Amino acid sequence: MIQVEMHDGSLIEIEIYGEGPSLLLPVNTQIIEGAQAEEMLKWGVDPALGRSIVDGLRDRYRVIAYDYEGHVFKHAKPDTLTPSNIADDFLAIANAAGADTFAYYGYSWLALSGMQLSIRTNRLSALIMGGFPPIAGPYKEMLAVTRATHEMTIAPPQKLSSEPTTNDAWDGNTDDYDWSNVDVTMSEAQTRQFVTLYEHLQPFDDRAVQSAISCPRLCFAGTADKIDYGPNWGDVHVNIIGPLVERRQEIEAYGWDVAVLEGLDHTQAMQAASVLPILRPWLDRKL
């Protein structure tokens, strides 16, 4: 296992599996067991999600796995989780792994982080964004949600409604986390780092940067990937799938391949059983 220093001086562990073209994969490879795993399975969540994706790719690709989301929760970066710093962190990981060029796959906020990486380096051989659109992204809406969540962590404890979520099980992604439990599960610093991220993304024009992305690129989402946040979050509606359906021709004109997963929500579309049938054949064709 290799340890790599991040922009704030903290260390992250990376694991390398297989041989072939390099692929940066920000996933947790640890397998969850016991009662927690049983509960996850009830919701259709793979307790070995990251490992399942790695195992589905390692026979042909050199998979560089690192749990960046877990890292930022363990080592919160309330003032420095910016798009530029995230890109620097990913490049540091690629350097430590000896990957001069590499593909990248990320889901949800890690997908938008991949786009930020792609406009800051010419080393990407391919970019895959899952669960976040490459144009017309909900940056404004996610800022409202994360600001409201941050306020909850600094306000006196109170009983909140059970909204919003696509279900009551958290899959590890901040975009559809059961924010109603935030007062007991997340710290002020943990929530503020995502406010910092989305604040820095407010002036970002995702259409204007398309010409700067030169590598093959794929985006996908489930047709049910729409999240309604309740009154505690200002009744914000986050529509992930909308741009992929309503603006598909425009997205494809920018050079993207688009995949739409029928009937799947944000959590379902990130499972290995949904991702690998899209990701593996596409990578095989492009790389």
Protein backbone atom coordinates (compact mmCIF):
# COMPACT_ATOMS: atom_id res chain seq x y z
CA MET A 1 0.00 0.00 0.00
CA ILE A 2 1.27 3.47 -0.91
CA GLN A 3 0.69 6.63 1.10
CA VAL A 4 0.39 9.94 -0.75
CA GLU A 5 0.44 13.44 0.73
CA MET A 6 -2.61 15.54 -0.10
CA HIS A 7 -2.75 19.33 -0.50
CA ASP A 8 -3.38 19.88 3.25
CA GLY A 9 -0.55 17.60 4.38
CA SER A 10 -2.78 14.64 5.26
CA LEU A 11 -1.98 11.20 3.88
CA ILE A 12 -4.19 8.94 1.78
CA GLU A 13 -3.57 5.28 1.03
CA ILE A 14 -3.75 4.01 -2.54
CA GLU A 15 -3.93 0.43 -3.77
CA ILE A 16 -2.94 -0.80 -7.23
CA TYR A 17 -4.52 -3.82 -8.88
CA GLY A 18 -3.82 -5.45 -12.23
CA GLU A 19 -1.83 -4.49 -15.31
CA GLY A 20 -2.67 -2.47 -18.39
CA PRO A 21 -3.82 1.11 -19.02
CA SER A 22 -4.04 3.04 -15.76
CA LEU A 23 -7.42 3.97 -14.28
CA LEU A 24 -7.85 6.31 -11.32
CA LEU A 25 -10.77 5.02 -9.27
CA PRO A 26 -11.81 6.95 -6.12
CA VAL A 27 -13.58 4.10 -4.30
CA ASN A 28 -13.43 2.34 -0.96
CA THR A 29 -12.19 -1.20 -1.54
CA GLN A 30 -13.04 -2.39 1.99
CA ILE A 31 -15.86 -4.92 2.22
CA ILE A 32 -18.52 -4.10 4.81
CA GLU A 33 -19.69 -7.10 6.81
CA GLY A 34 -22.19 -8.08 9.49
CA ALA A 35 -25.45 -6.32 10.31
CA GLN A 36 -24.52 -3.21 8.37
CA ALA A 37 -23.92 -5.27 5.23
CA GLU A 38 -27.27 -7.03 5.66
CA GLU A 39 -29.06 -3.69 5.93
CA MET A 40 -27.28 -2.36 2.86
CA LEU A 41 -28.33 -5.41 0.85
CA LYS A 42 -31.98 -4.75 1.74
CA TRP A 43 -31.65 -1.43 -0.07
CA GLY A 44 -29.84 -2.92 -3.04
CA VAL A 45 -26.49 -1.46 -1.98
CA ASP A 46 -23.42 -3.64 -2.54
CA PRO A 47 -21.41 -3.91 0.72
CA ALA A 48 -18.38 -4.53 -1.49
CA LEU A 49 -19.15 -1.80 -4.03
CA GLY A 50 -15.65 -0.47 -4.58
CA ARG A 51 -14.06 -3.91 -4.54
CA SER A 52 -16.66 -5.23 -6.99
CA ILE A 53 -15.83 -2.48 -9.48
CA VAL A 54 -12.09 -3.06 -9.05
CA ASP A 55 -12.52 -6.81 -9.56
CA GLY A 56 -14.51 -6.18 -12.72
CA LEU A 57 -11.67 -4.16 -14.26
CA ARG A 58 -8.38 -5.44 -12.84
CA ASP A 59 -7.92 -8.24 -15.39
CA ARG A 60 -7.31 -5.72 -18.16
CA TYR A 61 -6.58 -2.41 -16.43
CA ARG A 62 -4.14 -1.11 -13.87
CA VAL A 63 -6.63 0.13 -11.30
CA ILE A 64 -5.38 2.80 -8.90
CA ALA A 65 -7.94 2.77 -6.08
CA TYR A 66 -8.20 5.35 -3.31
CA ASP A 67 -11.07 6.24 -0.97
CA TYR A 68 -11.07 10.00 -1.47
CA GLU A 69 -14.56 10.49 -0.04
CA GLY A 70 -13.68 8.52 3.08
CA HIS A 71 -10.45 10.51 3.30
CA VAL A 72 -12.17 13.91 3.30
CA PHE A 73 -14.56 12.77 6.01
CA LYS A 74 -11.66 11.51 8.12
CA HIS A 75 -9.45 14.51 7.35
CA ALA A 76 -11.97 17.30 6.76
CA LYS A 77 -10.81 20.21 4.62
CA PRO A 78 -13.36 22.93 5.52
CA ASP A 79 -11.51 25.77 3.81
CA THR A 80 -9.49 23.99 1.14
CA LEU A 81 -11.74 21.43 -0.61
CA THR A 82 -11.65 23.42 -3.84
CA PRO A 83 -11.77 22.11 -7.41
CA SER A 84 -8.14 23.07 -7.96
CA ASN A 85 -6.93 21.35 -4.80
CA ILE A 86 -8.90 18.20 -5.60
CA ALA A 87 -7.30 18.08 -9.04
CA ASP A 88 -3.88 18.54 -7.45
CA ASP A 89 -4.61 15.67 -5.06
CA PHE A 90 -5.61 13.37 -7.92
CA LEU A 91 -2.50 14.27 -9.88
CA ALA A 92 -0.36 13.58 -6.81
CA ILE A 93 -1.96 10.13 -6.60
CA ALA A 94 -1.30 9.48 -10.29
CA ASN A 95 2.32 10.57 -9.85
CA ALA A 96 2.82 8.30 -6.84
CA ALA A 97 1.38 5.40 -8.82
CA GLY A 98 3.69 6.11 -11.76
CA ALA A 99 0.81 6.81 -14.13
CA ASP A 100 1.93 9.28 -16.79
CA THR A 101 -1.48 8.97 -18.48
CA PHE A 102 -4.64 7.56 -16.95
CA ALA A 103 -8.39 7.23 -17.29
CA TYR A 104 -10.68 8.45 -14.52
CA TYR A 105 -14.10 7.29 -13.31
CA GLY A 106 -16.01 9.09 -10.57
CA TYR A 107 -19.62 9.12 -9.39
CA SER A 108 -21.67 12.03 -8.02
CA TRP A 109 -19.44 14.82 -6.66
CA LEU A 110 -16.43 12.71 -7.57
CA ALA A 111 -17.70 12.82 -11.16
CA LEU A 112 -17.70 16.62 -11.25
CA SER A 113 -14.25 16.44 -9.66
CA GLY A 114 -13.16 14.39 -12.67
CA MET A 115 -14.28 17.15 -15.00
CA GLN A 116 -12.30 19.66 -12.95
CA LEU A 117 -9.29 17.39 -13.29
CA SER A 118 -9.76 17.06 -17.05
CA ILE A 119 -9.53 20.82 -17.65
CA ARG A 120 -6.36 21.08 -15.59
CA THR A 121 -4.23 18.38 -17.20
CA ASN A 122 -3.59 16.78 -20.59
CA ARG A 123 -2.77 13.43 -19.01
CA LEU A 124 -6.29 11.97 -19.10
CA SER A 125 -6.81 9.11 -21.55
CA ALA A 126 -10.54 8.88 -20.80
CA LEU A 127 -13.13 10.49 -18.49
CA ILE A 128 -16.26 8.80 -17.13
CA MET A 129 -18.81 10.80 -15.13
CA GLY A 130 -21.60 8.91 -13.38
CA GLY A 131 -24.47 10.52 -11.50
CA PHE A 132 -23.64 14.11 -12.50
CA PRO A 133 -24.24 15.81 -15.87
CA PRO A 134 -21.32 17.31 -17.83
CA ILE A 135 -23.39 20.36 -18.77
CA ALA A 136 -26.16 22.18 -16.87
CA GLY A 137 -24.93 20.66 -13.62
CA PRO A 138 -26.93 21.47 -10.44
CA TYR A 139 -24.15 23.51 -8.83
CA LYS A 140 -26.51 26.18 -7.49
CA GLU A 141 -28.90 23.63 -6.05
CA MET A 142 -26.15 21.64 -4.35
CA LEU A 143 -24.76 24.81 -2.80
CA ALA A 144 -28.18 25.51 -1.27
CA VAL A 145 -28.39 21.95 0.08
CA THR A 146 -24.89 21.93 1.53
CA ARG A 147 -25.34 25.39 3.08
CA ALA A 148 -28.55 24.26 4.76
CA THR A 149 -26.82 21.11 5.98
CA HIS A 150 -23.92 23.11 7.36
CA GLU A 151 -26.33 25.35 9.25
CA MET A 152 -27.81 22.26 10.89
CA THR A 153 -24.43 21.22 12.25
CA ILE A 154 -23.93 24.57 13.99
CA ALA A 155 -27.52 25.06 15.17
CA PRO A 156 -28.88 23.68 18.46
CA PRO A 157 -30.01 20.05 18.18
CA GLN A 158 -33.55 19.79 16.87
CA LYS A 159 -35.91 17.19 15.51
CA LEU A 160 -35.81 17.30 11.74
CA SER A 161 -38.11 15.71 9.21
CA SER A 162 -36.99 12.50 7.55
CA GLU A 163 -36.63 14.20 4.15
CA PRO A 164 -34.82 14.20 1.81
CA THR A 165 -33.53 10.94 0.47
CA THR A 166 -34.24 8.36 -2.18
CA ASN A 167 -34.27 5.83 0.66
CA ASP A 168 -33.22 5.64 4.30
CA ALA A 169 -29.87 3.96 3.69
CA TRP A 170 -26.88 6.13 2.95
CA ASP A 171 -24.75 4.88 0.09
CA GLY A 172 -21.76 7.07 0.98
CA ASN A 173 -22.48 9.90 -1.47
CA THR A 174 -23.12 13.40 -0.19
CA ASP A 175 -25.62 14.21 -2.95
CA ASP A 176 -28.31 11.88 -1.61
CA TYR A 177 -27.20 11.38 1.98
CA ASP A 178 -30.03 11.29 4.53
CA TRP A 179 -29.28 14.82 5.68
CA SER A 180 -31.96 14.54 8.42
CA ASN A 181 -29.39 12.69 10.54
CA VAL A 182 -26.65 15.22 9.99
CA ASP A 183 -26.85 16.69 13.51
CA VAL A 184 -25.51 13.46 14.96
CA THR A 185 -23.42 11.98 12.16
CA MET A 186 -21.44 14.83 10.58
CA SER A 187 -19.33 17.61 12.04
CA GLU A 188 -19.31 21.28 11.15
CA ALA A 189 -15.98 20.90 9.39
CA GLN A 190 -17.18 17.91 7.38
CA THR A 191 -20.22 19.76 6.05
CA ARG A 192 -18.42 23.07 5.53
CA GLN A 193 -15.89 21.51 3.16
CA PHE A 194 -18.69 20.78 0.69
CA VAL A 195 -19.99 24.33 1.05
CA THR A 196 -16.48 25.44 0.12
CA LEU A 197 -16.48 23.13 -2.91
CA TYR A 198 -19.82 24.31 -4.29
CA GLU A 199 -19.08 27.97 -3.54
CA HIS A 200 -15.98 27.72 -5.72
CA LEU A 201 -18.06 26.08 -8.45
CA GLN A 202 -20.67 28.85 -8.68
CA PRO A 203 -18.89 30.82 -11.43
CA PHE A 204 -17.96 27.62 -13.29
CA ASP A 205 -19.35 27.44 -16.83
CA ASP A 206 -19.50 23.77 -17.77
CA ARG A 207 -20.32 24.55 -21.38
CA ALA A 208 -17.43 26.94 -21.86
CA VAL A 209 -14.85 24.33 -20.80
CA GLN A 210 -15.99 21.55 -23.13
CA SER A 211 -13.41 22.45 -25.75
CA ALA A 212 -10.69 21.95 -23.14
CA ILE A 213 -11.62 18.27 -22.70
CA SER A 214 -9.82 16.36 -25.43
CA CYS A 215 -10.01 12.75 -24.23
CA PRO A 216 -12.83 10.25 -24.91
CA ARG A 217 -15.64 10.82 -22.43
CA LEU A 218 -18.75 9.07 -21.15
CA CYS A 219 -21.54 10.22 -18.86
CA PHE A 220 -24.42 8.22 -17.40
CA ALA A 221 -27.25 8.44 -14.88
CA GLY A 222 -30.47 6.66 -13.97
CA THR A 223 -33.81 7.93 -15.22
CA ALA A 224 -35.05 8.21 -11.62
CA ASP A 225 -32.08 10.28 -10.48
CA LYS A 226 -34.06 13.22 -9.14
CA ILE A 227 -33.82 14.20 -5.49
CA ASP A 228 -36.39 16.36 -3.71
CA TYR A 229 -35.00 17.97 -0.57
CA GLY A 230 -37.63 18.94 1.99
CA PRO A 231 -38.41 22.22 3.77
CA ASN A 232 -35.35 21.97 6.01
CA TRP A 233 -33.31 22.39 2.83
CA GLY A 234 -35.48 25.04 1.20
CA ASP A 235 -37.44 22.53 -0.89
CA VAL A 236 -34.56 22.24 -3.35
CA HIS A 237 -35.00 19.90 -6.32
CA VAL A 238 -31.79 18.34 -7.68
CA ASN A 239 -32.31 16.89 -11.15
CA ILE A 240 -29.32 14.82 -12.26
CA ILE A 241 -30.92 12.97 -15.16
CA GLY A 242 -32.68 15.99 -16.70
CA PRO A 243 -29.76 17.37 -18.72
CA LEU A 244 -28.80 13.92 -20.05
CA VAL A 245 -32.31 13.44 -21.45
CA GLU A 246 -33.35 16.98 -22.37
CA ARG A 247 -29.95 18.08 -23.72
CA ARG A 248 -28.63 14.77 -24.98
CA GLN A 249 -27.97 15.98 -28.52
CA GLU A 250 -26.07 18.99 -27.20
CA ILE A 251 -24.00 16.83 -24.85
CA GLU A 252 -23.20 14.39 -27.64
CA ALA A 253 -22.25 17.29 -29.90
CA TYR A 254 -19.62 18.24 -27.33
CA GLY A 255 -18.08 14.78 -27.79
CA TRP A 256 -19.68 12.82 -24.96
CA ASP A 257 -21.08 9.32 -25.13
CA VAL A 258 -24.30 9.23 -23.10
CA ALA A 259 -25.89 6.26 -21.31
CA VAL A 260 -29.26 6.41 -19.56
CA LEU A 261 -30.16 3.64 -17.10
CA GLU A 262 -33.89 3.03 -17.16
CA GLY A 263 -35.68 3.15 -13.82
CA LEU A 264 -32.60 3.57 -11.64
CA ASP A 265 -32.16 6.26 -8.99
CA HIS A 266 -28.93 7.83 -7.75
CA THR A 267 -28.05 4.93 -5.46
CA GLN A 268 -29.05 2.14 -7.82
CA ALA A 269 -27.13 3.57 -10.78
CA MET A 270 -23.85 3.57 -8.85
CA GLN A 271 -23.89 -0.16 -8.02
CA ALA A 272 -21.31 -2.37 -9.70
CA ALA A 273 -24.04 -4.40 -11.43
CA SER A 274 -25.18 -1.20 -13.15
CA VAL A 275 -21.79 0.44 -13.71
CA LEU A 276 -19.63 -2.40 -15.04
CA PRO A 277 -21.82 -3.30 -18.06
CA ILE A 278 -21.39 0.31 -19.21
CA LEU A 279 -17.90 1.10 -18.02
CA ARG A 280 -16.00 -2.03 -19.06
CA PRO A 281 -17.12 -2.25 -22.73
CA TRP A 282 -16.68 1.48 -23.19
CA LEU A 283 -13.14 1.43 -21.78
CA ASP A 284 -12.31 -1.61 -23.92
CA ARG A 285 -13.36 0.31 -27.04
CA LYS A 286 -11.67 3.58 -26.15
CA LEU A 287 -8.44 2.34 -24.59
